[in-house]
Each structure stands twice: as C-alpha cells, then as structure tokens.
Protein backbone atom coordinates (compact mmCIF):
# COMPACT_ATOMS: atom_id res chain seq x y z
CA MET A 1 68.62 107.45 57.36
CA ALA A 2 65.60 109.04 59.03
CA ALA A 3 63.27 107.45 56.50
CA PHE A 4 64.81 104.05 57.12
CA MET A 5 64.38 104.38 60.89
CA GLU A 6 60.79 105.57 60.52
CA ARG A 7 59.98 102.63 58.23
CA LEU A 8 61.66 100.24 60.67
CA ALA A 9 59.67 101.68 63.57
CA ARG A 10 56.41 101.39 61.66
CA ASN A 11 57.24 97.74 60.95
CA PHE A 12 57.54 97.20 64.70
CA LEU A 13 54.15 98.83 65.22
CA ALA A 14 52.64 96.77 62.40
CA LEU A 15 53.73 93.61 64.22
CA LYS A 16 51.74 94.85 67.25
CA VAL A 17 54.63 94.27 69.62
CA PRO A 18 53.35 95.00 73.17
CA ASN A 19 54.76 97.88 75.25
CA PHE A 20 56.10 99.80 72.25
CA SER A 21 55.26 103.31 70.98
CA LEU A 22 56.57 105.58 68.22
CA ASN A 23 58.27 108.88 69.10
CA SER A 24 58.01 111.19 66.08
CA ASN A 25 60.62 113.66 67.36
CA LEU A 26 63.43 111.16 67.88
CA LYS A 27 62.21 108.69 65.22
CA THR A 28 62.74 105.94 67.76
CA VAL A 29 60.80 103.08 69.24
CA GLN A 30 60.41 103.43 73.00
CA CYS A 31 60.07 100.45 75.30
CA VAL A 32 58.21 100.87 78.58
CA LYS A 33 58.89 97.58 80.35
CA ASN A 34 59.88 93.94 79.84
CA PHE A 35 63.27 94.70 78.31
CA HIS A 36 66.69 93.20 78.58
CA THR A 37 70.18 94.42 77.68
CA LEU A 38 72.36 92.97 74.94
CA LYS A 39 76.11 93.65 75.05
CA ASN A 40 77.21 91.51 72.12
CA CYS A 41 78.57 94.53 70.24
CA ASN A 42 80.19 97.84 71.11
CA SER A 43 76.89 99.57 71.86
CA VAL A 44 74.31 98.65 74.48
CA HIS A 45 70.78 97.96 73.25
CA LEU A 46 67.62 97.85 75.35
CA LEU A 47 65.35 95.40 73.58
CA PRO A 48 62.16 93.54 74.47
CA LYS A 49 62.42 89.81 74.95
CA GLN A 50 62.46 87.55 71.86
CA LEU A 51 63.82 90.32 69.59
CA LEU A 52 67.26 90.53 67.98
CA CYS A 53 69.80 93.35 68.08
CA VAL A 54 69.76 95.31 64.81
CA ARG A 55 73.39 96.45 65.12
CA CYS A 56 74.65 92.92 65.68
CA ALA A 57 72.64 91.78 62.64
CA GLY A 58 74.71 94.06 60.41
CA ASN A 59 72.84 97.38 60.42
CA SER A 60 74.63 100.40 61.92
CA THR A 61 71.58 101.94 63.60
CA ARG A 62 70.87 102.47 67.29
CA PHE A 63 67.16 103.18 67.42
CA LEU A 64 65.89 101.68 70.68
CA ARG A 65 65.63 103.59 73.93
CA CYS A 66 63.89 102.69 77.13
CA LYS A 67 62.19 104.63 79.90
CA SER A 68 63.82 103.91 83.25
CA SER A 69 61.59 102.44 85.93
CA ALA A 70 64.21 102.50 88.71
CA SER A 71 62.09 104.85 90.83
CA ASN A 72 59.33 102.22 91.07
CA THR A 73 61.60 99.42 92.23
CA SER A 74 61.88 98.40 95.88
CA VAL A 75 64.58 96.49 97.75
CA VAL A 76 63.39 93.27 99.38
CA GLU A 77 65.38 92.14 102.41
CA HIS A 78 65.53 88.39 102.99
CA GLU A 79 65.91 87.07 106.53
CA MET A 80 68.23 84.21 107.33
CA PRO A 81 66.49 80.85 107.93
CA THR A 82 66.18 80.20 111.64
CA ASP A 83 67.10 76.51 111.34
CA VAL A 84 70.39 77.36 109.60
CA VAL A 85 71.25 79.98 112.22
CA GLN A 86 70.48 77.61 115.06
CA SER A 87 72.62 74.82 113.57
CA VAL A 88 75.57 77.20 113.07
CA GLU A 89 75.28 78.55 116.63
CA ALA A 90 75.09 75.01 118.01
CA GLU A 91 78.26 74.00 116.17
CA ILE A 92 80.09 77.11 117.39
CA GLN A 93 79.09 76.47 121.01
CA SER A 94 80.08 72.82 120.82
CA GLY A 95 83.67 73.74 119.92
CA LEU A 96 84.26 70.43 118.14
CA SER A 97 85.17 71.83 114.71
CA ARG A 98 88.51 73.51 114.09
CA LEU A 99 87.97 77.07 112.91
CA PHE A 100 89.86 78.76 110.08
CA ALA A 101 89.92 82.38 108.97
CA VAL A 102 91.08 84.57 106.08
CA VAL A 103 92.80 87.70 107.37
CA PHE A 104 94.16 90.76 105.59
CA ILE A 105 97.41 92.14 106.99
CA ALA A 106 100.36 94.03 105.48
CA GLY A 107 98.73 94.13 102.05
CA GLN A 108 98.31 90.34 101.84
CA GLN A 109 95.59 87.78 102.53
CA PHE A 110 96.33 84.63 104.55
CA LYS A 111 94.19 81.60 105.28
CA VAL A 112 95.11 80.68 108.85
CA THR A 113 94.09 78.37 111.65
CA THR A 114 95.28 77.91 115.22
CA ASN A 115 99.08 77.55 115.72
CA ASP A 116 99.87 78.58 112.14
CA LEU A 117 102.95 80.68 111.32
CA ILE A 118 102.67 83.46 108.73
CA GLN A 119 105.51 85.54 107.32
CA LEU A 120 104.95 89.20 106.42
CA GLN A 121 107.25 91.08 104.09
CA GLN A 122 107.51 94.14 106.30
CA HIS A 123 108.08 95.13 109.92
CA ILE A 124 104.85 95.69 111.83
CA PRO A 125 104.71 98.27 114.65
CA ALA A 126 104.37 95.62 117.41
CA ASP A 127 107.44 94.39 119.30
CA VAL A 128 108.67 90.80 119.48
CA GLY A 129 106.64 88.77 121.97
CA GLU A 130 103.72 91.18 121.92
CA ARG A 131 100.20 89.81 121.48
CA ILE A 132 98.11 91.55 118.81
CA CYS A 133 94.55 91.28 117.47
CA LEU A 134 94.04 91.10 113.71
CA GLN A 135 91.24 93.53 112.87
CA LYS A 136 90.62 92.80 109.18
CA VAL A 137 88.97 89.37 109.05
CA LEU A 138 87.40 88.59 105.68
CA LEU A 139 86.06 85.11 106.37
CA VAL A 140 85.76 82.58 109.15
CA GLY A 141 84.45 79.02 109.00
CA GLY A 142 84.44 75.51 110.35
CA ASP A 143 83.58 72.01 109.14
CA ASN A 144 79.96 72.73 108.22
CA PHE A 145 79.61 76.52 108.07
CA THR A 146 81.28 79.64 106.71
CA LEU A 147 80.71 83.26 107.71
CA LEU A 148 81.59 85.71 104.92
CA GLY A 149 82.19 89.43 105.51
CA ARG A 150 81.04 92.26 103.24
CA PRO A 151 83.94 92.91 103.03
CA LEU A 152 84.93 92.53 106.72
CA LEU A 153 83.42 90.71 109.65
CA SER A 154 82.57 92.70 112.76
CA PRO A 155 85.21 92.59 115.55
CA GLU A 156 82.35 91.94 117.98
CA LYS A 157 81.63 88.58 116.29
CA VAL A 158 85.09 87.36 115.27
CA ARG A 159 88.40 87.75 117.11
CA VAL A 160 91.73 86.51 115.75
CA GLU A 161 94.76 86.90 118.05
CA ALA A 162 98.42 86.43 117.13
CA THR A 163 101.86 86.80 118.71
CA VAL A 164 104.90 88.41 117.07
CA ILE A 165 107.56 85.68 117.02
CA GLU A 166 110.39 87.32 115.08
CA LYS A 167 111.35 90.49 113.22
CA THR A 168 114.34 90.09 110.95
CA ASN A 169 115.69 90.60 107.43
CA SER A 170 115.57 88.18 104.54
CA GLN A 171 118.54 86.62 102.83
CA LYS A 172 120.48 88.65 100.33
CA ILE A 173 118.51 89.16 97.11
CA ILE A 174 120.66 89.79 94.03
CA VAL A 175 119.13 91.77 91.19
CA PHE A 176 121.22 91.61 88.00
CA LYS A 177 120.14 93.20 84.74
CA MET A 178 121.93 93.12 81.41
CA ARG A 179 121.29 93.85 77.75
CA LYS A 180 122.93 91.62 75.20
CA ARG A 181 125.32 93.11 72.63
CA THR A 182 125.67 96.24 74.76
CA ARG A 183 127.76 97.24 77.73
CA PHE A 184 124.74 97.62 79.99
CA ARG A 185 125.22 95.76 83.26
CA LYS A 186 123.42 96.52 86.51
CA TYR A 187 124.08 94.69 89.79
CA HIS A 188 122.08 95.38 92.93
CA GLU A 189 121.78 93.68 96.33
CA LYS A 190 118.84 94.20 98.65
CA TYR A 191 117.23 92.85 101.81
CA VAL A 192 113.52 92.61 102.67
CA ASN A 193 112.09 93.18 106.15
CA LEU A 194 110.29 90.13 107.52
CA SER A 195 107.92 89.63 110.44
CA VAL A 196 106.74 86.22 111.66
CA LEU A 197 103.41 85.82 113.48
CA ARG A 198 101.88 82.83 115.23
CA ILE A 199 98.09 82.54 115.31
CA ASN A 200 97.05 81.89 118.90
CA SER A 201 93.28 81.67 118.73
CA ILE A 202 90.25 82.18 116.50
CA GLU A 203 87.07 82.94 118.41
CA VAL A 204 83.54 83.43 117.10
CA ALA A 205 80.67 84.89 119.11
CA PRO A 206 78.01 82.29 119.98
CA LYS A 207 75.26 84.45 118.43
CA VAL A 208 75.51 84.76 114.64
CA SER A 209 72.47 86.98 114.06
C-alpha cells in the first residue's frame, strides 16, 4: 500500500503539477493553495482544480491533504448602495405601499399585514382587549422593497402592534385509536387553547441604515 501511494505521488510530481510537494513521512501529496473540496463519496478530498478524486474513481486510498490558509484570510465588508437605500427610505416616508411582515409568536410564523386576524394555539399572558407589541419580527416589506432580519429585525427599526381579540377553547377534538384483529380501543377527547390577535399597525423607521 505504501509503495503504491509513493508511486502515485511520484507520478503527480512527474506531471509537474503546480503547488504540490511530496511528504516522505506521511507518503502523501500536500497541496498549498488553489484547491477545492469534492464530496461525491463518503470521504472528503482536497484536490487541486482539474484533477479527479481517486476514491471516486475506484481506488480505496485517501492520500491528499492540504495546509489550511484560514489565518491569512480577511473578511471584506460590503456597504449598501446609497441609491438603493435612498429609494427604500423614500418609499417608506411616502406611505403609499401597504407593508407586510413575518412575525414569530407562540412557536409559529405568520405573514401578516394591517387588520389581519391570526389564531394562536395557546393562551398568551396578555388579557382580552390589551394592546401588545410583537418583538420577534423576521421580515418586513412593501411593494418594491424587503428588509430581512438576521434572524430578527431590530425593534428600533420595525414595530408591529396587535390587540388581543379573544381567548377561548377550540371545538372538541376526538382522538380514537384501534388495532385491527385485537381488542385494543382507545378513545380520548381534548380541547386546545386558542388566542385571536388583530394586527393594528406595522411601522418602519424612516432611516434604514
């Protein structure tokens, strides 16, 4: 096995493939840069471009390793285009488009707009008739723009208010289980707590940036 890997490595060196060197201790070919990852099989291979995976070709050898260059990388921050920001702020200030939002409440996500009714499958702490502010807003948008949170939008920029309309129980839910050719029968009745909210307003701060 070691002889096969050494011969294979020497073949790579004979081809004069750039950025490759032979490690005599590990009997491997080491790649310094210009590599990509192939995940076509069970093992992950770090190979230079325009080369095939040996394991996927039928040979059961994993002989390629790569030196990590993560310490030399740098994160480049891209600024938002000023013209896009100005157009979005102008549309928000005009108030002509009807805003919509995606909110997370009671373990569920709802796409809502003004005067919508949403039904939650639990009782929330607020009383009937009380006005509440939905804190977890995932997304808000209009006709020509969309603001996406990572994962949530800041409460200083987006405010979604709702009113608790009703807190009640659902209709009777019958759960019946049986197993054929046996005497197993199970009958159960249950009720689910429900809360109904009305979306009063969706407000976005005039400054996006």
